């Protein structure tokens, strides 16, 4: 009996090779960024830009993941949902309802950043 290695077995596998859609990854990352920045009033512009990017790239990703060799349809859906939620939070803010729930935490975040930056070696 011949010695069949693992690589030969994997090479002969009938499973198609799939690659991840860049648009799907962009949709998820920008959707997460949009949702995280939507709670701070100083970052509403960034949230608006990231939310728009998430929605647009998720539509591109939905079209591209219909091909059998491209994966990432779940990332598209999550990116689309997060982008739309962030845009809704920003939209409600412009309608007059205060959605900036992260603003009271800005001094604490600034203190934490200064504390951890002090632990790093400072440039000369």
PDB file of N, CA and C in Angstrom:
ATOM      1  N   UNK A   1       0.833  -1.179   0.000  1.00  0.00           N
ATOM      2  CA  UNK A   1       0.000   0.000   0.000  1.00  0.00           C
ATOM      3  C   UNK A   1       0.881   1.246   0.000  1.00  0.00           C
ATOM      4  N   UNK A   2       0.503   2.230  -0.818  1.00  0.00           N
ATOM      5  CA  UNK A   2       1.284   3.463  -0.924  1.00  0.00           C
ATOM      6  C   UNK A   2       1.021   4.386   0.252  1.00  0.00           C
ATOM      7  N   UNK A   3       2.013   5.183   0.558  1.00  0.00           N
ATOM      8  CA  UNK A   3       1.889   6.144   1.644  1.00  0.00           C
ATOM      9  C   UNK A   3       1.280   7.434   1.087  1.00  0.00           C
ATOM     10  N   UNK A   4       0.059   7.735   1.504  1.00  0.00           N
ATOM     11  CA  UNK A   4      -0.626   8.947   1.057  1.00  0.00           C
ATOM     12  C   UNK A   4      -0.512   9.980   2.167  1.00  0.00           C
ATOM     13  N   UNK A   5       0.107  11.094   1.841  1.00  0.00           N
ATOM     14  CA  UNK A   5       0.288  12.158   2.821  1.00  0.00           C
ATOM     15  C   UNK A   5      -0.974  12.996   2.958  1.00  0.00           C
ATOM     16  N   UNK A   6      -1.007  13.770   3.992  1.00  0.00           N
ATOM     17  CA  UNK A   6      -2.151  14.645   4.245  1.00  0.00           C
ATOM     18  C   UNK A   6      -2.296  15.690   3.157  1.00  0.00           C
ATOM     19  N   UNK A   7      -1.192  16.216   2.665  1.00  0.00           N
ATOM     20  CA  UNK A   7      -1.265  17.237   1.619  1.00  0.00           C
ATOM     21  C   UNK A   7      -1.856  16.672   0.338  1.00  0.00           C
ATOM     22  N   UNK A   8      -1.510  15.428  -0.012  1.00  0.00           N
ATOM     23  CA  UNK A   8      -2.077  14.806  -1.206  1.00  0.00           C
ATOM     24  C   UNK A   8      -3.575  14.598  -1.040  1.00  0.00           C
ATOM     25  N   UNK A   9      -3.995  14.271   0.162  1.00  0.00           N
ATOM     26  CA  UNK A   9      -5.418  14.086   0.429  1.00  0.00           C
ATOM     27  C   UNK A   9      -6.169  15.403   0.310  1.00  0.00           C
ATOM     28  N   UNK A  10      -5.581  16.483   0.844  1.00  0.00           N
ATOM     29  CA  UNK A  10      -6.225  17.790   0.755  1.00  0.00           C
ATOM     30  C   UNK A  10      -6.245  18.319  -0.674  1.00  0.00           C
ATOM     31  N   UNK A  11      -5.185  18.043  -1.428  1.00  0.00           N
ATOM     32  CA  UNK A  11      -5.133  18.497  -2.814  1.00  0.00           C
ATOM     33  C   UNK A  11      -6.182  17.816  -3.676  1.00  0.00           C
ATOM     34  N   UNK A  12      -6.527  16.597  -3.340  1.00  0.00           N
ATOM     35  CA  UNK A  12      -7.518  15.875  -4.133  1.00  0.00           C
ATOM     36  C   UNK A  12      -8.947  16.092  -3.638  1.00  0.00           C
ATOM     37  N   UNK A  13      -9.117  16.931  -2.650  1.00  0.00           N
ATOM     38  CA  UNK A  13     -10.438  17.199  -2.103  1.00  0.00           C
ATOM     39  C   UNK A  13     -11.313  17.908  -3.133  1.00  0.00           C
ATOM     40  N   UNK A  14     -12.569  17.510  -3.240  1.00  0.00           N
ATOM     41  CA  UNK A  14     -13.446  18.163  -4.216  1.00  0.00           C
ATOM     42  C   UNK A  14     -13.993  19.509  -3.743  1.00  0.00           C
ATOM     43  N   UNK A  15     -13.686  19.900  -2.517  1.00  0.00           N
ATOM     44  CA  UNK A  15     -14.202  21.157  -1.985  1.00  0.00           C
ATOM     45  C   UNK A  15     -13.609  22.332  -2.765  1.00  0.00           C
ATOM     46  N   UNK A  16     -14.445  23.255  -3.193  1.00  0.00           N
ATOM     47  CA  UNK A  16     -13.928  24.394  -3.951  1.00  0.00           C
ATOM     48  C   UNK A  16     -13.160  25.348  -3.039  1.00  0.00           C
ATOM     49  N   UNK A  17     -12.197  26.001  -3.584  1.00  0.00           N
ATOM     50  CA  UNK A  17     -11.431  26.999  -2.843  1.00  0.00           C
ATOM     51  C   UNK A  17     -12.225  28.302  -2.839  1.00  0.00           C
ATOM     52  N   UNK A  18     -12.471  28.825  -1.669  1.00  0.00           N
ATOM     53  CA  UNK A  18     -13.230  30.073  -1.543  1.00  0.00           C
ATOM     54  C   UNK A  18     -12.324  31.136  -0.947  1.00  0.00           C
ATOM     55  N   UNK A  19     -12.553  32.361  -1.341  1.00  0.00           N
ATOM     56  CA  UNK A  19     -11.823  33.482  -0.774  1.00  0.00           C
ATOM     57  C   UNK A  19     -12.830  34.420  -0.127  1.00  0.00           C
ATOM     58  N   UNK A  20     -12.357  35.185   0.843  1.00  0.00           N
ATOM     59  CA  UNK A  20     -13.216  36.119   1.554  1.00  0.00           C
ATOM     60  C   UNK A  20     -13.356  37.403   0.746  1.00  0.00           C
ATOM     61  N   UNK A  21     -14.545  37.931   0.718  1.00  0.00           N
ATOM     62  CA  UNK A  21     -14.814  39.173  -0.001  1.00  0.00           C
ATOM     63  C   UNK A  21     -14.248  40.359   0.777  1.00  0.00           C
ATOM     64  N   UNK A  22     -13.455  41.168   0.108  1.00  0.00           N
ATOM     65  CA  UNK A  22     -12.896  42.376   0.736  1.00  0.00           C
ATOM     66  C   UNK A  22     -14.017  43.343   1.096  1.00  0.00           C
ATOM     67  N   UNK A  23     -15.042  43.409   0.247  1.00  0.00           N
ATOM     68  CA  UNK A  23     -16.173  44.302   0.521  1.00  0.00           C
ATOM     69  C   UNK A  23     -16.910  43.858   1.788  1.00  0.00           C
ATOM     70  N   UNK A  24     -17.010  42.555   2.007  1.00  0.00           N
ATOM     71  CA  UNK A  24     -17.676  42.053   3.207  1.00  0.00           C
ATOM     72  C   UNK A  24     -16.881  42.405   4.461  1.00  0.00           C
ATOM     73  N   UNK A  25     -15.567  42.257   4.382  1.00  0.00           N
ATOM     74  CA  UNK A  25     -14.730  42.615   5.524  1.00  0.00           C
ATOM     75  C   UNK A  25     -14.801  44.117   5.803  1.00  0.00           C
ATOM     76  N   UNK A  26     -14.793  44.910   4.744  1.00  0.00           N
ATOM     77  CA  UNK A  26     -14.896  46.360   4.894  1.00  0.00           C
ATOM     78  C   UNK A  26     -16.232  46.748   5.514  1.00  0.00           C
ATOM     79  N   UNK A  27     -17.292  46.069   5.094  1.00  0.00           N
ATOM     80  CA  UNK A  27     -18.620  46.362   5.633  1.00  0.00           C
ATOM     81  C   UNK A  27     -18.668  46.088   7.126  1.00  0.00           C
ATOM     82  N   UNK A  28     -18.126  44.953   7.554  1.00  0.00           N
ATOM     83  CA  UNK A  28     -18.176  44.608   8.973  1.00  0.00           C
ATOM     84  C   UNK A  28     -17.331  45.565   9.809  1.00  0.00           C
ATOM     85  N   UNK A  29     -16.116  45.835   9.388  1.00  0.00           N
ATOM     86  CA  UNK A  29     -15.227  46.698  10.174  1.00  0.00           C
ATOM     87  C   UNK A  29     -15.765  48.130  10.238  1.00  0.00           C
ATOM     88  N   UNK A  30     -16.224  48.643   9.101  1.00  0.00           N
ATOM     89  CA  UNK A  30     -16.751  50.008   9.127  1.00  0.00           C
ATOM     90  C   UNK A  30     -18.087  50.077   9.861  1.00  0.00           C
ATOM     91  N   UNK A  31     -18.888  49.030   9.814  1.00  0.00           N
ATOM     92  CA  UNK A  31     -20.131  48.995  10.588  1.00  0.00           C
ATOM     93  C   UNK A  31     -19.868  48.982  12.079  1.00  0.00           C
ATOM     94  N   UNK A  32     -18.866  48.205  12.503  1.00  0.00           N
ATOM     95  CA  UNK A  32     -18.493  48.206  13.923  1.00  0.00           C
ATOM     96  C   UNK A  32     -17.981  49.576  14.357  1.00  0.00           C
ATOM     97  N   UNK A  33     -17.126  50.171  13.530  1.00  0.00           N
ATOM     98  CA  UNK A  33     -16.612  51.497  13.850  1.00  0.00           C
ATOM     99  C   UNK A  33     -17.712  52.538  13.908  1.00  0.00           C
ATOM    100  N   UNK A  34     -18.655  52.442  12.983  1.00  0.00           N
ATOM    101  CA  UNK A  34     -19.768  53.403  12.975  1.00  0.00           C
ATOM    102  C   UNK A  34     -20.620  53.260  14.224  1.00  0.00           C
ATOM    103  N   UNK A  35     -20.884  52.037  14.618  1.00  0.00           N
ATOM    104  CA  UNK A  35     -21.727  51.826  15.800  1.00  0.00           C
ATOM    105  C   UNK A  35     -21.011  52.269  17.073  1.00  0.00           C
ATOM    106  N   UNK A  36     -19.709  52.034  17.158  1.00  0.00           N
ATOM    107  CA  UNK A  36     -18.967  52.443  18.353  1.00  0.00           C
ATOM    108  C   UNK A  36     -18.821  53.960  18.456  1.00  0.00           C
ATOM    109  N   UNK A  37     -18.712  54.650  17.324  1.00  0.00           N
ATOM    110  CA  UNK A  37     -18.546  56.099  17.367  1.00  0.00           C
ATOM    111  C   UNK A  37     -19.869  56.849  17.411  1.00  0.00           C
ATOM    112  N   UNK A  38     -20.980  56.167  17.183  1.00  0.00           N
ATOM    113  CA  UNK A  38     -22.280  56.850  17.150  1.00  0.00           C
ATOM    114  C   UNK A  38     -22.725  57.342  18.524  1.00  0.00           C
ATOM    115  N   UNK A  39     -22.131  56.822  19.590  1.00  0.00           N
ATOM    116  CA  UNK A  39     -22.569  57.214  20.932  1.00  0.00           C
ATOM    117  C   UNK A  39     -21.857  58.459  21.446  1.00  0.00           C
ATOM    118  N   UNK A  40     -20.902  58.989  20.694  1.00  0.00           N
ATOM    119  CA  UNK A  40     -20.172  60.182  21.098  1.00  0.00           C
ATOM    120  C   UNK A  40     -20.529  61.324  20.156  1.00  0.00           C
ATOM    121  N   UNK A  41     -20.945  62.462  20.716  1.00  0.00           N
ATOM    122  CA  UNK A  41     -21.384  63.572  19.874  1.00  0.00           C
ATOM    123  C   UNK A  41     -20.240  64.184  19.075  1.00  0.00           C
ATOM    124  N   UNK A  42     -19.034  64.101  19.579  1.00  0.00           N
ATOM    125  CA  UNK A  42     -17.905  64.679  18.863  1.00  0.00           C
ATOM    126  C   UNK A  42     -17.542  63.838  17.636  1.00  0.00           C
ATOM    127  N   UNK A  43     -17.981  62.594  17.580  1.00  0.00           N
ATOM    128  CA  UNK A  43     -17.636  61.684  16.485  1.00  0.00           C
ATOM    129  C   UNK A  43     -18.812  61.378  15.565  1.00  0.00           C
ATOM    130  N   UNK A  44     -19.845  62.213  15.564  1.00  0.00           N
ATOM    131  CA  UNK A  44     -20.999  61.930  14.708  1.00  0.00           C
ATOM    132  C   UNK A  44     -20.638  61.976  13.224  1.00  0.00           C
ATOM    133  N   UNK A  45     -19.752  62.860  12.834  1.00  0.00           N
ATOM    134  CA  UNK A  45     -19.322  62.925  11.434  1.00  0.00           C
ATOM    135  C   UNK A  45     -18.590  61.663  11.016  1.00  0.00           C
ATOM    136  N   UNK A  46     -17.727  61.169  11.905  1.00  0.00           N
ATOM    137  CA  UNK A  46     -17.013  59.923  11.630  1.00  0.00           C
ATOM    138  C   UNK A  46     -17.997  58.766  11.547  1.00  0.00           C
ATOM    139  N   UNK A  47     -18.971  58.749  12.445  1.00  0.00           N
ATOM    140  CA  UNK A  47     -19.982  57.699  12.430  1.00  0.00           C
ATOM    141  C   UNK A  47     -20.820  57.743  11.161  1.00  0.00           C
ATOM    142  N   UNK A  48     -21.144  58.926  10.726  1.00  0.00           N
ATOM    143  CA  UNK A  48     -21.909  59.082   9.489  1.00  0.00           C
ATOM    144  C   UNK A  48     -21.121  58.560   8.290  1.00  0.00           C
ATOM    145  N   UNK A  49     -19.838  58.897   8.219  1.00  0.00           N
ATOM    146  CA  UNK A  49     -18.997  58.432   7.114  1.00  0.00           C
ATOM    147  C   UNK A  49     -18.805  56.919   7.157  1.00  0.00           C
ATOM    148  N   UNK A  50     -18.532  56.372   8.346  1.00  0.00           N
ATOM    149  CA  UNK A  50     -18.334  54.927   8.460  1.00  0.00           C
ATOM    150  C   UNK A  50     -19.623  54.153   8.206  1.00  0.00           C
ATOM    151  N   UNK A  51     -20.750  54.685   8.664  1.00  0.00           N
ATOM    152  CA  UNK A  51     -22.033  54.034   8.412  1.00  0.00           C
ATOM    153  C   UNK A  51     -22.372  54.002   6.932  1.00  0.00           C
ATOM    154  N   UNK A  52     -22.099  55.104   6.245  1.00  0.00           N
ATOM    155  CA  UNK A  52     -22.333  55.147   4.805  1.00  0.00           C
ATOM    156  C   UNK A  52     -21.420  54.170   4.081  1.00  0.00           C
ATOM    157  N   UNK A  53     -20.161  54.108   4.486  1.00  0.00           N
ATOM    158  CA  UNK A  53     -19.226  53.160   3.894  1.00  0.00           C
ATOM    159  C   UNK A  53     -19.664  51.718   4.149  1.00  0.00           C
ATOM    160  N   UNK A  54     -20.173  51.450   5.344  1.00  0.00           N
ATOM    161  CA  UNK A  54     -20.635  50.096   5.671  1.00  0.00           C
ATOM    162  C   UNK A  54     -21.815  49.686   4.801  1.00  0.00           C
ATOM    163  N   UNK A  55     -22.762  50.583   4.620  1.00  0.00           N
ATOM    164  CA  UNK A  55     -23.938  50.262   3.807  1.00  0.00           C
ATOM    165  C   UNK A  55     -23.542  50.057   2.343  1.00  0.00           C
ATOM    166  N   UNK A  56     -22.730  50.956   1.821  1.00  0.00           N
ATOM    167  CA  UNK A  56     -22.335  50.836   0.413  1.00  0.00           C
ATOM    168  C   UNK A  56     -21.490  49.595   0.163  1.00  0.00           C
ATOM    169  N   UNK A  57     -20.527  49.325   1.036  1.00  0.00           N
ATOM    170  CA  UNK A  57     -19.679  48.155   0.822  1.00  0.00           C
ATOM    171  C   UNK A  57     -20.427  46.855   1.079  1.00  0.00           C
ATOM    172  N   UNK A  58     -21.446  46.871   1.927  1.00  0.00           N
ATOM    173  CA  UNK A  58     -22.226  45.645   2.117  1.00  0.00           C
ATOM    174  C   UNK A  58     -23.081  45.347   0.890  1.00  0.00           C
ATOM    175  N   UNK A  59     -23.569  46.390   0.201  1.00  0.00           N
ATOM    176  CA  UNK A  59     -24.298  46.139  -1.047  1.00  0.00           C
ATOM    177  C   UNK A  59     -23.364  45.563  -2.115  1.00  0.00           C
ATOM    178  N   UNK A  60     -22.150  46.101  -2.201  1.00  0.00           N
ATOM    179  CA  UNK A  60     -21.167  45.557  -3.139  1.00  0.00           C
ATOM    180  C   UNK A  60     -20.820  44.120  -2.749  1.00  0.00           C
ATOM    181  N   UNK A  61     -20.670  43.883  -1.457  1.00  0.00           N
ATOM    182  CA  UNK A  61     -20.354  42.541  -0.979  1.00  0.00           C
ATOM    183  C   UNK A  61     -21.477  41.556  -1.206  1.00  0.00           C
ATOM    184  N   UNK A  62     -22.729  42.010  -1.089  1.00  0.00           N
ATOM    185  CA  UNK A  62     -23.855  41.108  -1.346  1.00  0.00           C
ATOM    186  C   UNK A  62     -23.879  40.658  -2.800  1.00  0.00           C
ATOM    187  N   UNK A  63     -23.517  41.542  -3.694  1.00  0.00           N
ATOM    188  CA  UNK A  63     -23.460  41.172  -5.107  1.00  0.00           C
ATOM    189  C   UNK A  63     -22.298  40.213  -5.356  1.00  0.00           C
ATOM    190  N   UNK A  64     -21.141  40.489  -4.758  1.00  0.00           N
ATOM    191  CA  UNK A  64     -19.955  39.673  -5.036  1.00  0.00           C
ATOM    192  C   UNK A  64     -19.996  38.302  -4.369  1.00  0.00           C
ATOM    193  N   UNK A  65     -20.713  38.153  -3.267  1.00  0.00           N
ATOM    194  CA  UNK A  65     -20.736  36.853  -2.587  1.00  0.00           C
ATOM    195  C   UNK A  65     -21.759  35.892  -3.164  1.00  0.00           C
ATOM    196  N   UNK A  66     -22.449  36.267  -4.223  1.00  0.00           N
ATOM    197  CA  UNK A  66     -23.338  35.314  -4.879  1.00  0.00           C
ATOM    198  C   UNK A  66     -22.554  34.294  -5.687  1.00  0.00           C
ATOM    199  N   UNK A  67     -21.305  34.607  -6.003  1.00  0.00           N
ATOM    200  CA  UNK A  67     -20.466  33.650  -6.704  1.00  0.00           C
ATOM    201  C   UNK A  67     -20.050  32.546  -5.740  1.00  0.00           C
ATOM    202  N   UNK A  68     -19.922  31.310  -6.202  1.00  0.00           N
ATOM    203  CA  UNK A  68     -19.617  30.203  -5.280  1.00  0.00           C
ATOM    204  C   UNK A  68     -18.199  30.235  -4.716  1.00  0.00           C
ATOM    205  N   UNK A  69     -17.285  30.958  -5.344  1.00  0.00           N
ATOM    206  CA  UNK A  69     -15.911  30.975  -4.851  1.00  0.00           C
ATOM    207  C   UNK A  69     -15.611  32.163  -3.937  1.00  0.00           C
ATOM    208  N   UNK A  70     -16.643  32.919  -3.549  1.00  0.00           N
ATOM    209  CA  UNK A  70     -16.452  34.086  -2.685  1.00  0.00           C
ATOM    210  C   UNK A  70     -17.304  33.911  -1.428  1.00  0.00           C
ATOM    211  N   UNK A  71     -16.655  34.003  -0.272  1.00  0.00           N
ATOM    212  CA  UNK A  71     -17.348  33.858   1.011  1.00  0.00           C
ATOM    213  C   UNK A  71     -17.533  35.226   1.658  1.00  0.00           C
ATOM    214  N   UNK A  72     -18.381  35.293   2.666  1.00  0.00           N
ATOM    215  CA  UNK A  72     -18.542  36.519   3.433  1.00  0.00           C
ATOM    216  C   UNK A  72     -19.939  37.085   3.449  1.00  0.00           C
ATOM    217  N   UNK A  73     -20.941  36.294   3.101  1.00  0.00           N
ATOM    218  CA  UNK A  73     -22.296  36.847   3.073  1.00  0.00           C
ATOM    219  C   UNK A  73     -22.794  37.207   4.472  1.00  0.00           C
ATOM    220  N   UNK A  74     -22.372  36.461   5.491  1.00  0.00           N
ATOM    221  CA  UNK A  74     -22.784  36.797   6.861  1.00  0.00           C
ATOM    222  C   UNK A  74     -22.145  38.110   7.308  1.00  0.00           C
ATOM    223  N   UNK A  75     -20.899  38.342   6.906  1.00  0.00           N
ATOM    224  CA  UNK A  75     -20.248  39.604   7.249  1.00  0.00           C
ATOM    225  C   UNK A  75     -20.975  40.773   6.609  1.00  0.00           C
ATOM    226  N   UNK A  76     -21.478  40.568   5.389  1.00  0.00           N
ATOM    227  CA  UNK A  76     -22.239  41.617   4.719  1.00  0.00           C
ATOM    228  C   UNK A  76     -23.481  41.985   5.505  1.00  0.00           C
ATOM    229  N   UNK A  77     -24.178  40.973   5.964  1.00  0.00           N
ATOM    230  CA  UNK A  77     -25.428  41.211   6.696  1.00  0.00           C
ATOM    231  C   UNK A  77     -25.146  41.949   8.005  1.00  0.00           C
ATOM    232  N   UNK A  78     -24.134  41.492   8.753  1.00  0.00           N
ATOM    233  CA  UNK A  78     -23.801  42.164  10.012  1.00  0.00           C
ATOM    234  C   UNK A  78     -23.327  43.593   9.768  1.00  0.00           C
ATOM    235  N   UNK A  79     -22.518  43.805   8.745  1.00  0.00           N
ATOM    236  CA  UNK A  79     -22.058  45.148   8.418  1.00  0.00           C
ATOM    237  C   UNK A  79     -23.194  46.054   8.019  1.00  0.00           C
ATOM    238  N   UNK A  80     -24.138  45.524   7.239  1.00  0.00           N
ATOM    239  CA  UNK A  80     -25.305  46.312   6.826  1.00  0.00           C
ATOM    240  C   UNK A  80     -26.159  46.693   8.026  1.00  0.00           C
ATOM    241  N   UNK A  81     -26.412  45.748   8.911  1.00  0.00           N
ATOM    242  CA  UNK A  81     -27.232  46.018  10.102  1.00  0.00           C
ATOM    243  C   UNK A  81     -26.550  47.058  10.998  1.00  0.00           C
ATOM    244  N   UNK A  82     -25.254  46.877  11.255  1.00  0.00           N
ATOM    245  CA  UNK A  82     -24.544  47.831  12.114  1.00  0.00           C
ATOM    246  C   UNK A  82     -24.471  49.210  11.476  1.00  0.00           C
ATOM    247  N   UNK A  83     -24.241  49.269  10.170  1.00  0.00           N
ATOM    248  CA  UNK A  83     -24.194  50.559   9.487  1.00  0.00           C
ATOM    249  C   UNK A  83     -25.532  51.271   9.517  1.00  0.00           C
ATOM    250  N   UNK A  84     -26.611  50.517   9.282  1.00  0.00           N
ATOM    251  CA  UNK A  84     -27.946  51.129   9.324  1.00  0.00           C
ATOM    252  C   UNK A  84     -28.322  51.576  10.732  1.00  0.00           C
ATOM    253  N   UNK A  85     -27.946  50.786  11.740  1.00  0.00           N
ATOM    254  CA  UNK A  85     -28.210  51.200  13.125  1.00  0.00           C
ATOM    255  C   UNK A  85     -27.457  52.472  13.483  1.00  0.00           C
ATOM    256  N   UNK A  86     -26.198  52.560  13.063  1.00  0.00           N
ATOM    257  CA  UNK A  86     -25.416  53.764  13.352  1.00  0.00           C
ATOM    258  C   UNK A  86     -25.997  54.973  12.644  1.00  0.00           C
ATOM    259  N   UNK A  87     -26.411  54.798  11.392  1.00  0.00           N
ATOM    260  CA  UNK A  87     -27.033  55.914  10.678  1.00  0.00           C
ATOM    261  C   UNK A  87     -28.351  56.319  11.322  1.00  0.00           C
ATOM    262  N   UNK A  88     -29.084  55.347  11.846  1.00  0.00           N
ATOM    263  CA  UNK A  88     -30.338  55.664  12.539  1.00  0.00           C
ATOM    264  C   UNK A  88     -30.070  56.434  13.831  1.00  0.00           C
ATOM    265  N   UNK A  89     -29.033  56.047  14.565  1.00  0.00           N
ATOM    266  CA  UNK A  89     -28.690  56.754  15.809  1.00  0.00           C
ATOM    267  C   UNK A  89     -28.289  58.194  15.496  1.00  0.00           C
ATOM    268  N   UNK A  90     -27.491  58.378  14.462  1.00  0.00           N
ATOM    269  CA  UNK A  90     -27.089  59.731  14.071  1.00  0.00           C
ATOM    270  C   UNK A  90     -28.299  60.516  13.572  1.00  0.00           C
ATOM    271  N   UNK A  91     -29.166  59.889  12.808  1.00  0.00           N
ATOM    272  CA  UNK A  91     -30.368  60.553  12.306  1.00  0.00           C
ATOM    273  C   UNK A  91     -31.301  60.985  13.414  1.00  0.00           C
ATOM    274  N   UNK A  92     -31.463  60.134  14.416  1.00  0.00           N
ATOM    275  CA  UNK A  92     -32.308  60.488  15.560  1.00  0.00           C
ATOM    276  C   UNK A  92     -31.687  61.651  16.326  1.00  0.00           C
ATOM    277  N   UNK A  93     -30.368  61.700  16.377  1.00  0.00           N
ATOM    278  CA  UNK A  93     -29.683  62.813  17.042  1.00  0.00           C
ATOM    279  C   UNK A  93     -29.986  64.130  16.320  1.00  0.00           C
ATOM    280  N   UNK A  94     -29.987  64.101  14.992  1.00  0.00           N
ATOM    281  CA  UNK A  94     -30.281  65.323  14.239  1.00  0.00           C
ATOM    282  C   UNK A  94     -31.753  65.693  14.295  1.00  0.00           C
ATOM    283  N   UNK A  95     -32.607  64.771  14.693  1.00  0.00           N
ATOM    284  CA  UNK A  95     -34.026  65.093  14.895  1.00  0.00           C
ATOM    285  C   UNK A  95     -34.291  65.712  16.255  1.00  0.00           C
ATOM    286  N   UNK A  96     -33.276  65.750  17.115  1.00  0.00           N
ATOM    287  CA  UNK A  96     -33.425  66.430  18.392  1.00  0.00           C
ATOM    288  C   UNK A  96     -33.386  65.529  19.604  1.00  0.00           C
ATOM    289  N   UNK A  97     -33.344  64.217  19.440  1.00  0.00           N
ATOM    290  CA  UNK A  97     -33.276  63.303  20.579  1.00  0.00           C
ATOM    291  C   UNK A  97     -31.814  63.059  20.925  1.00  0.00           C
ATOM    292  N   UNK A  98     -31.473  63.180  22.196  1.00  0.00           N
ATOM    293  CA  UNK A  98     -30.074  63.032  22.608  1.00  0.00           C
ATOM    294  C   UNK A  98     -29.692  61.563  22.642  1.00  0.00           C
ATOM    295  N   UNK A  99     -28.813  61.163  21.742  1.00  0.00           N
ATOM    296  CA  UNK A  99     -28.332  59.781  21.703  1.00  0.00           C
ATOM    297  C   UNK A  99     -26.861  59.691  22.063  1.00  0.00           C
ATOM    298  N   UNK A 100     -26.286  60.766  22.519  1.00  0.00           N
ATOM    299  CA  UNK A 100     -24.865  60.784  22.867  1.00  0.00           C
ATOM    300  C   UNK A 100     -24.674  60.254  24.280  1.00  0.00           C
ATOM    301  N   UNK A 101     -24.870  58.969  24.460  1.00  0.00           N
ATOM    302  CA  UNK A 101     -24.769  58.368  25.791  1.00  0.00           C
ATOM    303  C   UNK A 101     -23.322  58.163  26.215  1.00  0.00           C
ATOM    304  N   UNK A 102     -22.383  58.275  25.292  1.00  0.00           N
ATOM    305  CA  UNK A 102     -20.978  58.084  25.627  1.00  0.00           C
ATOM    306  C   UNK A 102     -20.282  59.340  26.094  1.00  0.00           C
ATOM    307  N   UNK A 103     -20.906  60.499  25.930  1.00  0.00           N
ATOM    308  CA  UNK A 103     -20.254  61.758  26.298  1.00  0.00           C
ATOM    309  C   UNK A 103     -19.859  61.851  27.775  1.00  0.00           C
ATOM    310  N   UNK A 104     -20.652  61.363  28.724  1.00  0.00           N
ATOM    311  CA  UNK A 104     -20.204  61.438  30.119  1.00  0.00           C
ATOM    312  C   UNK A 104     -18.953  60.615  30.414  1.00  0.00           C
ATOM    313  N   UNK A 105     -18.631  59.675  29.551  1.00  0.00           N
ATOM    314  CA  UNK A 105     -17.471  58.813  29.785  1.00  0.00           C
ATOM    315  C   UNK A 105     -16.193  59.356  29.162  1.00  0.00           C
ATOM    316  N   UNK A 106     -16.274  60.473  28.443  1.00  0.00           N
ATOM    317  CA  UNK A 106     -15.094  61.023  27.778  1.00  0.00           C
ATOM    318  C   UNK A 106     -13.991  61.412  28.778  1.00  0.00           C
ATOM    319  N   UNK A 107     -14.300  62.071  29.916  1.00  0.00           N
ATOM    320  CA  UNK A 107     -13.208  62.360  30.861  1.00  0.00           C
ATOM    321  C   UNK A 107     -12.540  61.096  31.400  1.00  0.00           C
ATOM    322  N   UNK A 108     -13.312  60.065  31.667  1.00  0.00           N
ATOM    323  CA  UNK A 108     -12.735  58.810  32.145  1.00  0.00           C
ATOM    324  C   UNK A 108     -11.852  58.186  31.070  1.00  0.00           C
ATOM    325  N   UNK A 109     -12.318  58.192  29.813  1.00  0.00           N
ATOM    326  CA  UNK A 109     -11.517  57.644  28.722  1.00  0.00           C
ATOM    327  C   UNK A 109     -10.224  58.440  28.543  1.00  0.00           C
ATOM    328  N   UNK A 110     -10.308  59.763  28.660  1.00  0.00           N
ATOM    329  CA  UNK A 110      -9.105  60.590  28.532  1.00  0.00           C
ATOM    330  C   UNK A 110      -8.116  60.288  29.656  1.00  0.00           C
ATOM    331  N   UNK A 111      -8.627  60.125  30.880  1.00  0.00           N
ATOM    332  CA  UNK A 111      -7.756  59.774  31.999  1.00  0.00           C
ATOM    333  C   UNK A 111      -7.090  58.418  31.778  1.00  0.00           C
ATOM    334  N   UNK A 112      -7.832  57.449  31.266  1.00  0.00           N
ATOM    335  CA  UNK A 112      -7.268  56.132  31.000  1.00  0.00           C
ATOM    336  C   UNK A 112      -6.193  56.195  29.908  1.00  0.00           C
ATOM    337  N   UNK A 113      -6.448  56.985  28.880  1.00  0.00           N
ATOM    338  CA  UNK A 113      -5.453  57.123  27.818  1.00  0.00           C
ATOM    339  C   UNK A 113      -4.176  57.779  28.332  1.00  0.00           C
ATOM    340  N   UNK A 114      -4.309  58.805  29.170  1.00  0.00           N
ATOM    341  CA  UNK A 114      -3.131  59.453  29.740  1.00  0.00           C
ATOM    342  C   UNK A 114      -2.379  58.501  30.672  1.00  0.00           C
ATOM    343  N   UNK A 115      -3.116  57.717  31.454  1.00  0.00           N
ATOM    344  CA  UNK A 115      -2.494  56.766  32.371  1.00  0.00           C
ATOM    345  C   UNK A 115      -1.674  55.731  31.607  1.00  0.00           C
ATOM    346  N   UNK A 116      -2.275  55.135  30.573  1.00  0.00           N
ATOM    347  CA  UNK A 116      -1.577  54.080  29.830  1.00  0.00           C
ATOM    348  C   UNK A 116      -0.484  54.647  28.937  1.00  0.00           C
ATOM    349  N   UNK A 117      -0.658  55.863  28.432  1.00  0.00           N
ATOM    350  CA  UNK A 117       0.413  56.483  27.647  1.00  0.00           C
ATOM    351  C   UNK A 117       1.621  56.830  28.507  1.00  0.00           C
ATOM    352  N   UNK A 118       1.395  57.137  29.787  1.00  0.00           N
ATOM    353  CA  UNK A 118       2.508  57.452  30.693  1.00  0.00           C
ATOM    354  C   UNK A 118       3.352  56.211  30.947  1.00  0.00           C
ATOM    355  N   UNK A 119       2.811  55.040  30.814  1.00  0.00           N
ATOM    356  CA  UNK A 119       3.544  53.801  31.045  1.00  0.00           C
ATOM    357  C   UNK A 119       4.457  53.442  29.870  1.00  0.00           C
ATOM    358  N   UNK A 120       4.196  54.044  28.711  1.00  0.00           N
ATOM    359  CA  UNK A 120       5.029  53.763  27.538  1.00  0.00           C
ATOM    360  C   UNK A 120       6.273  54.633  27.547  1.00  0.00           C
ATOM    361  N   UNK A 121       7.356  54.157  26.950  1.00  0.00           N
ATOM    362  CA  UNK A 121       8.543  55.034  26.851  1.00  0.00           C
ATOM    363  C   UNK A 121       8.246  56.234  25.977  1.00  0.00           C
ATOM    364  N   UNK A 122       8.658  57.391  26.444  1.00  0.00           N
ATOM    365  CA  UNK A 122       8.369  58.651  25.744  1.00  0.00           C
ATOM    366  C   UNK A 122       9.485  58.937  24.742  1.00  0.00           C
ATOM    367  N   UNK A 123       9.130  59.470  23.564  1.00  0.00           N
ATOM    368  CA  UNK A 123      10.177  59.833  22.594  1.00  0.00           C
ATOM    369  C   UNK A 123      10.972  61.039  23.086  1.00  0.00           C
ATOM    370  N   UNK A 124      12.207  61.091  22.653  1.00  0.00           N
ATOM    371  CA  UNK A 124      13.077  62.202  23.112  1.00  0.00           C
ATOM    372  C   UNK A 124      13.212  63.232  22.056  1.00  0.00           C
TER     373      UNK A 124
END
